[in-house]
């Protein structure tokens, strides 16, 4: 009886010890998986303001992967989270760099656009203004034949006003608005040149 009792006791003790080890292992895995998810979330949050503007597709892809990790965590697949999480964390850490690179690329393109427009538009606006003033003279009735001078004058005012707006945006550091407005000016100026029968 003593021997059997001792065996049962020892067996029970061994099982309890093994169970404790397994539970401790599970708890450690859960903590590690949770900490990994928190680190990924924090990394994404830090990069998100710029990433959402410059690399939205990359951000969406990483968010989808984080969603998969959370699903695995909720299913208690902590080992899966620990296995796949580092790669997702690495991708999240690359967000800030990718966003900065894309931002620099866009800013360079906008600067190039502005430089080109700033070199061309003022001369075109001046030429258009001179043409409108010439056609508005009584002595230029023959030259103005087929041209709606009054409409051209109104359009000239719009072009001039928009160009001033573009310059103000650039001076204020709003390069995106400056370029967009300048492109609008260039388009309107080109159309007005056609209406005035000018070859610019």
C-alpha atoms as a PDB file:
ATOM      1  CA  UNK A   1       0.000   0.000   0.000  1.00  0.00           C
ATOM      2  CA  UNK A   2       2.787   2.353   0.919  1.00  0.00           C
ATOM      3  CA  UNK A   3       4.619   1.636  -2.300  1.00  0.00           C
ATOM      4  CA  UNK A   4       1.516   2.124  -4.429  1.00  0.00           C
ATOM      5  CA  UNK A   5       0.666   5.281  -2.554  1.00  0.00           C
ATOM      6  CA  UNK A   6       4.130   6.650  -2.996  1.00  0.00           C
ATOM      7  CA  UNK A   7       4.027   5.878  -6.705  1.00  0.00           C
ATOM      8  CA  UNK A   8       0.682   7.599  -7.099  1.00  0.00           C
ATOM      9  CA  UNK A   9       1.948  10.550  -5.088  1.00  0.00           C
ATOM     10  CA  UNK A  10       5.108  10.857  -7.097  1.00  0.00           C
ATOM     11  CA  UNK A  11       3.224  10.443 -10.372  1.00  0.00           C
ATOM     12  CA  UNK A  12       0.740  13.093  -9.326  1.00  0.00           C
ATOM     13  CA  UNK A  13       3.510  15.394  -8.231  1.00  0.00           C
ATOM     14  CA  UNK A  14       5.375  14.907 -11.506  1.00  0.00           C
ATOM     15  CA  UNK A  15       2.224  15.629 -13.500  1.00  0.00           C
ATOM     16  CA  UNK A  16       1.542  18.731 -11.463  1.00  0.00           C
ATOM     17  CA  UNK A  17       5.105  19.917 -11.956  1.00  0.00           C
ATOM     18  CA  UNK A  18       4.912  19.258 -15.703  1.00  0.00           C
ATOM     19  CA  UNK A  19       1.602  21.091 -15.905  1.00  0.00           C
ATOM     20  CA  UNK A  20       3.082  24.025 -14.042  1.00  0.00           C
ATOM     21  CA  UNK A  21       5.994  24.141 -16.487  1.00  0.00           C
ATOM     22  CA  UNK A  22       3.649  23.982 -19.479  1.00  0.00           C
ATOM     23  CA  UNK A  23       1.422  26.713 -18.062  1.00  0.00           C
ATOM     24  CA  UNK A  24       4.427  28.883 -17.295  1.00  0.00           C
ATOM     25  CA  UNK A  25       5.660  28.354 -20.836  1.00  0.00           C
ATOM     26  CA  UNK A  26       2.266  29.340 -22.244  1.00  0.00           C
ATOM     27  CA  UNK A  27       2.191  32.409 -20.036  1.00  0.00           C
ATOM     28  CA  UNK A  28       5.663  33.423 -21.198  1.00  0.00           C
ATOM     29  CA  UNK A  29       4.663  32.931 -24.825  1.00  0.00           C
ATOM     30  CA  UNK A  30       1.525  34.996 -24.339  1.00  0.00           C
ATOM     31  CA  UNK A  31       3.492  37.818 -22.732  1.00  0.00           C
ATOM     32  CA  UNK A  32       6.095  37.747 -25.495  1.00  0.00           C
ATOM     33  CA  UNK A  33       3.417  37.766 -28.186  1.00  0.00           C
ATOM     34  CA  UNK A  34       1.551  40.609 -26.489  1.00  0.00           C
ATOM     35  CA  UNK A  35       4.714  42.676 -26.093  1.00  0.00           C
ATOM     36  CA  UNK A  36       5.551  42.111 -29.750  1.00  0.00           C
ATOM     37  CA  UNK A  37       2.113  43.330 -30.816  1.00  0.00           C
ATOM     38  CA  UNK A  38       2.454  46.387 -28.613  1.00  0.00           C
ATOM     39  CA  UNK A  39       5.845  47.193 -30.124  1.00  0.00           C
ATOM     40  CA  UNK A  40       4.453  46.830 -33.638  1.00  0.00           C
ATOM     41  CA  UNK A  41       1.492  49.086 -32.791  1.00  0.00           C
ATOM     42  CA  UNK A  42       3.766  51.740 -31.280  1.00  0.00           C
ATOM     43  CA  UNK A  43       6.060  51.665 -34.310  1.00  0.00           C
ATOM     44  CA  UNK A  44       3.143  52.051 -36.718  1.00  0.00           C
ATOM     45  CA  UNK A  45       1.609  54.870 -34.666  1.00  0.00           C
ATOM     46  CA  UNK A  46       4.874  56.813 -34.744  1.00  0.00           C
ATOM     47  CA  UNK A  47       5.196  56.527 -38.527  1.00  0.00           C
ATOM     48  CA  UNK A  48       1.499  56.782 -39.406  1.00  0.00           C
ATOM     49  CA  UNK A  49       1.104  60.583 -39.875  1.00  0.00           C
ATOM     50  CA  UNK A  50       3.633  60.619 -42.725  1.00  0.00           C
ATOM     51  CA  UNK A  51       3.020  57.063 -43.944  1.00  0.00           C
ATOM     52  CA  UNK A  52      -0.687  57.659 -44.544  1.00  0.00           C
ATOM     53  CA  UNK A  53       0.197  60.590 -46.831  1.00  0.00           C
ATOM     54  CA  UNK A  54       3.162  59.175 -48.704  1.00  0.00           C
ATOM     55  CA  UNK A  55       3.049  55.350 -48.551  1.00  0.00           C
ATOM     56  CA  UNK A  56      -0.622  54.510 -47.868  1.00  0.00           C
ATOM     57  CA  UNK A  57      -0.531  51.171 -49.682  1.00  0.00           C
ATOM     58  CA  UNK A  58       2.473  49.991 -47.676  1.00  0.00           C
ATOM     59  CA  UNK A  59       0.753  51.106 -44.471  1.00  0.00           C
ATOM     60  CA  UNK A  60      -2.443  49.254 -45.409  1.00  0.00           C
ATOM     61  CA  UNK A  61      -0.466  46.078 -46.145  1.00  0.00           C
ATOM     62  CA  UNK A  62       1.220  46.187 -42.736  1.00  0.00           C
ATOM     63  CA  UNK A  63      -2.089  46.857 -40.995  1.00  0.00           C
ATOM     64  CA  UNK A  64      -3.537  43.771 -42.690  1.00  0.00           C
ATOM     65  CA  UNK A  65      -0.617  41.681 -41.425  1.00  0.00           C
ATOM     66  CA  UNK A  66      -1.097  43.063 -37.921  1.00  0.00           C
ATOM     67  CA  UNK A  67      -4.748  42.061 -38.186  1.00  0.00           C
ATOM     68  CA  UNK A  68      -3.658  38.498 -38.980  1.00  0.00           C
ATOM     69  CA  UNK A  69      -1.349  38.520 -35.973  1.00  0.00           C
ATOM     70  CA  UNK A  70      -4.159  39.695 -33.719  1.00  0.00           C
ATOM     71  CA  UNK A  71      -6.416  36.938 -35.028  1.00  0.00           C
ATOM     72  CA  UNK A  72      -3.690  34.405 -34.217  1.00  0.00           C
ATOM     73  CA  UNK A  73      -3.269  35.932 -30.753  1.00  0.00           C
ATOM     74  CA  UNK A  74      -6.992  35.755 -30.055  1.00  0.00           C
ATOM     75  CA  UNK A  75      -6.886  32.073 -31.039  1.00  0.00           C
ATOM     76  CA  UNK A  76      -4.062  31.636 -28.518  1.00  0.00           C
ATOM     77  CA  UNK A  77      -1.581  30.862 -31.279  1.00  0.00           C
ATOM     78  CA  UNK A  78       1.150  32.730 -29.440  1.00  0.00           C
ATOM     79  CA  UNK A  79       3.902  30.744 -31.118  1.00  0.00           C
ATOM     80  CA  UNK A  80       2.563  31.861 -34.495  1.00  0.00           C
ATOM     81  CA  UNK A  81       2.623  35.490 -33.420  1.00  0.00           C
ATOM     82  CA  UNK A  82       6.170  35.142 -32.110  1.00  0.00           C
ATOM     83  CA  UNK A  83       7.241  33.423 -35.328  1.00  0.00           C
ATOM     84  CA  UNK A  84       5.688  35.874 -37.803  1.00  0.00           C
ATOM     85  CA  UNK A  85       5.718  39.035 -35.700  1.00  0.00           C
ATOM     86  CA  UNK A  86       9.365  40.057 -36.149  1.00  0.00           C
ATOM     87  CA  UNK A  87       8.972  40.296 -39.925  1.00  0.00           C
ATOM     88  CA  UNK A  88       5.908  42.510 -39.478  1.00  0.00           C
ATOM     89  CA  UNK A  89       7.803  44.627 -36.953  1.00  0.00           C
ATOM     90  CA  UNK A  90      10.647  45.024 -39.439  1.00  0.00           C
ATOM     91  CA  UNK A  91       8.167  46.168 -42.099  1.00  0.00           C
ATOM     92  CA  UNK A  92       6.622  48.616 -39.625  1.00  0.00           C
ATOM     93  CA  UNK A  93      10.056  49.998 -38.805  1.00  0.00           C
ATOM     94  CA  UNK A  94      10.673  50.635 -42.507  1.00  0.00           C
ATOM     95  CA  UNK A  95       7.526  52.771 -42.813  1.00  0.00           C
ATOM     96  CA  UNK A  96       9.132  55.976 -41.574  1.00  0.00           C
ATOM     97  CA  UNK A  97      12.093  55.606 -43.928  1.00  0.00           C
ATOM     98  CA  UNK A  98       9.873  54.770 -46.893  1.00  0.00           C
ATOM     99  CA  UNK A  99       7.568  57.707 -46.166  1.00  0.00           C
ATOM    100  CA  UNK A 100      10.512  60.101 -45.848  1.00  0.00           C
ATOM    101  CA  UNK A 101      11.997  58.875 -49.131  1.00  0.00           C
ATOM    102  CA  UNK A 102       8.690  59.255 -50.949  1.00  0.00           C
ATOM    103  CA  UNK A 103       8.173  62.713 -49.438  1.00  0.00           C
ATOM    104  CA  UNK A 104      11.599  63.815 -50.652  1.00  0.00           C
ATOM    105  CA  UNK A 105      10.806  62.427 -54.102  1.00  0.00           C
ATOM    106  CA  UNK A 106       7.527  64.330 -54.286  1.00  0.00           C
ATOM    107  CA  UNK A 107       9.091  67.553 -52.992  1.00  0.00           C
ATOM    108  CA  UNK A 108      11.867  67.320 -55.563  1.00  0.00           C
ATOM    109  CA  UNK A 109       9.327  66.837 -58.355  1.00  0.00           C
ATOM    110  CA  UNK A 110       7.268  69.774 -57.071  1.00  0.00           C
ATOM    111  CA  UNK A 111      10.358  71.972 -56.849  1.00  0.00           C
ATOM    112  CA  UNK A 112      11.281  71.044 -60.407  1.00  0.00           C
ATOM    113  CA  UNK A 113       7.728  71.808 -61.556  1.00  0.00           C
ATOM    114  CA  UNK A 114       7.722  75.150 -59.779  1.00  0.00           C
ATOM    115  CA  UNK A 115      11.097  76.143 -61.207  1.00  0.00           C
ATOM    116  CA  UNK A 116       9.878  75.362 -64.707  1.00  0.00           C
ATOM    117  CA  UNK A 117       6.565  77.175 -64.272  1.00  0.00           C
ATOM    118  CA  UNK A 118       8.128  80.167 -62.531  1.00  0.00           C
ATOM    119  CA  UNK A 119      10.467  80.568 -65.481  1.00  0.00           C
ATOM    120  CA  UNK A 120       7.737  80.328 -68.140  1.00  0.00           C
ATOM    121  CA  UNK A 121       4.493  81.732 -66.735  1.00  0.00           C
ATOM    122  CA  UNK A 122       5.511  85.364 -65.976  1.00  0.00           C
ATOM    123  CA  UNK A 123       6.686  85.974 -69.554  1.00  0.00           C
ATOM    124  CA  UNK A 124       3.547  84.351 -70.932  1.00  0.00           C
ATOM    125  CA  UNK A 125       1.299  86.413 -68.658  1.00  0.00           C
ATOM    126  CA  UNK A 126       3.114  89.604 -69.677  1.00  0.00           C
ATOM    127  CA  UNK A 127       2.786  88.749 -73.362  1.00  0.00           C
ATOM    128  CA  UNK A 128      -0.917  88.026 -72.960  1.00  0.00           C
ATOM    129  CA  UNK A 129      -1.483  91.251 -71.051  1.00  0.00           C
ATOM    130  CA  UNK A 130       0.273  93.249 -73.768  1.00  0.00           C
ATOM    131  CA  UNK A 131      -1.800  91.533 -76.426  1.00  0.00           C
ATOM    132  CA  UNK A 132      -5.081  92.197 -74.642  1.00  0.00           C
ATOM    133  CA  UNK A 133      -4.176  95.859 -74.140  1.00  0.00           C
ATOM    134  CA  UNK A 134      -3.266  96.165 -77.806  1.00  0.00           C
ATOM    135  CA  UNK A 135      -6.512  94.562 -79.015  1.00  0.00           C
ATOM    136  CA  UNK A 136      -8.508  96.773 -76.672  1.00  0.00           C
ATOM    137  CA  UNK A 137      -7.368  99.921 -78.468  1.00  0.00           C
ATOM    138  CA  UNK A 138      -9.734 101.508 -80.986  1.00  0.00           C
ATOM    139  CA  UNK A 139      -6.945 101.568 -83.526  1.00  0.00           C
ATOM    140  CA  UNK A 140      -6.675  97.772 -83.373  1.00  0.00           C
ATOM    141  CA  UNK A 141     -10.226  96.943 -84.467  1.00  0.00           C
ATOM    142  CA  UNK A 142      -9.005  95.205 -87.587  1.00  0.00           C
ATOM    143  CA  UNK A 143      -6.436  93.192 -85.632  1.00  0.00           C
ATOM    144  CA  UNK A 144      -9.072  92.295 -83.052  1.00  0.00           C
ATOM    145  CA  UNK A 145     -11.494  90.919 -85.621  1.00  0.00           C
ATOM    146  CA  UNK A 146     -12.813  87.531 -84.493  1.00  0.00           C
ATOM    147  CA  UNK A 147     -11.549  87.990 -80.944  1.00  0.00           C
ATOM    148  CA  UNK A 148     -13.866  88.532 -77.984  1.00  0.00           C
ATOM    149  CA  UNK A 149     -11.783  91.233 -76.379  1.00  0.00           C
ATOM    150  CA  UNK A 150     -14.078  91.791 -73.390  1.00  0.00           C
ATOM    151  CA  UNK A 151     -14.004  88.102 -72.560  1.00  0.00           C
ATOM    152  CA  UNK A 152     -10.240  88.092 -73.006  1.00  0.00           C
ATOM    153  CA  UNK A 153      -9.913  90.971 -70.551  1.00  0.00           C
ATOM    154  CA  UNK A 154     -11.933  89.096 -67.938  1.00  0.00           C
ATOM    155  CA  UNK A 155      -9.886  85.958 -68.477  1.00  0.00           C
ATOM    156  CA  UNK A 156      -6.711  87.967 -68.210  1.00  0.00           C
ATOM    157  CA  UNK A 157      -7.791  89.238 -64.806  1.00  0.00           C
ATOM    158  CA  UNK A 158      -8.369  85.641 -63.679  1.00  0.00           C
ATOM    159  CA  UNK A 159      -4.973  84.528 -64.949  1.00  0.00           C
ATOM    160  CA  UNK A 160      -3.182  87.403 -63.229  1.00  0.00           C
ATOM    161  CA  UNK A 161      -5.054  86.839 -59.984  1.00  0.00           C
ATOM    162  CA  UNK A 162      -4.313  83.122 -59.986  1.00  0.00           C
ATOM    163  CA  UNK A 163      -0.635  83.702 -60.663  1.00  0.00           C
ATOM    164  CA  UNK A 164      -0.488  86.042 -57.668  1.00  0.00           C
ATOM    165  CA  UNK A 165      -2.158  83.320 -55.621  1.00  0.00           C
ATOM    166  CA  UNK A 166       0.422  80.767 -56.775  1.00  0.00           C
ATOM    167  CA  UNK A 167       3.281  83.085 -55.840  1.00  0.00           C
ATOM    168  CA  UNK A 168       1.745  83.731 -52.420  1.00  0.00           C
ATOM    169  CA  UNK A 169       1.398  79.992 -51.796  1.00  0.00           C
ATOM    170  CA  UNK A 170       5.034  79.455 -52.721  1.00  0.00           C
ATOM    171  CA  UNK A 171       6.154  82.303 -50.459  1.00  0.00           C
ATOM    172  CA  UNK A 172       4.154  80.727 -47.623  1.00  0.00           C
ATOM    173  CA  UNK A 173       5.926  77.407 -48.130  1.00  0.00           C
ATOM    174  CA  UNK A 174       2.870  75.649 -49.542  1.00  0.00           C
ATOM    175  CA  UNK A 175       4.643  74.119 -52.517  1.00  0.00           C
ATOM    176  CA  UNK A 176       1.869  71.677 -53.368  1.00  0.00           C
ATOM    177  CA  UNK A 177      -0.739  74.437 -53.688  1.00  0.00           C
ATOM    178  CA  UNK A 178       1.721  76.706 -55.489  1.00  0.00           C
ATOM    179  CA  UNK A 179       2.442  74.115 -58.172  1.00  0.00           C
ATOM    180  CA  UNK A 180      -1.214  73.136 -58.585  1.00  0.00           C
ATOM    181  CA  UNK A 181      -2.266  76.779 -58.962  1.00  0.00           C
ATOM    182  CA  UNK A 182       0.611  77.566 -61.316  1.00  0.00           C
ATOM    183  CA  UNK A 183      -0.369  74.637 -63.526  1.00  0.00           C
ATOM    184  CA  UNK A 184      -3.914  75.997 -63.615  1.00  0.00           C
ATOM    185  CA  UNK A 185      -2.526  79.393 -64.606  1.00  0.00           C
ATOM    186  CA  UNK A 186      -0.445  77.843 -67.382  1.00  0.00           C
ATOM    187  CA  UNK A 187      -3.457  75.951 -68.713  1.00  0.00           C
ATOM    188  CA  UNK A 188      -5.655  79.048 -68.680  1.00  0.00           C
ATOM    189  CA  UNK A 189      -2.911  81.176 -70.232  1.00  0.00           C
ATOM    190  CA  UNK A 190      -2.390  78.678 -73.054  1.00  0.00           C
ATOM    191  CA  UNK A 191      -6.123  78.624 -73.754  1.00  0.00           C
ATOM    192  CA  UNK A 192      -6.274  82.417 -73.720  1.00  0.00           C
ATOM    193  CA  UNK A 193      -3.343  82.579 -76.142  1.00  0.00           C
ATOM    194  CA  UNK A 194      -5.324  80.445 -78.588  1.00  0.00           C
ATOM    195  CA  UNK A 195      -8.349  82.723 -78.190  1.00  0.00           C
ATOM    196  CA  UNK A 196      -6.133  85.737 -78.869  1.00  0.00           C
ATOM    197  CA  UNK A 197      -4.598  84.036 -81.904  1.00  0.00           C
ATOM    198  CA  UNK A 198      -1.170  84.161 -80.358  1.00  0.00           C
ATOM    199  CA  UNK A 199       1.665  81.733 -80.950  1.00  0.00           C
ATOM    200  CA  UNK A 200       3.593  81.561 -77.678  1.00  0.00           C
END
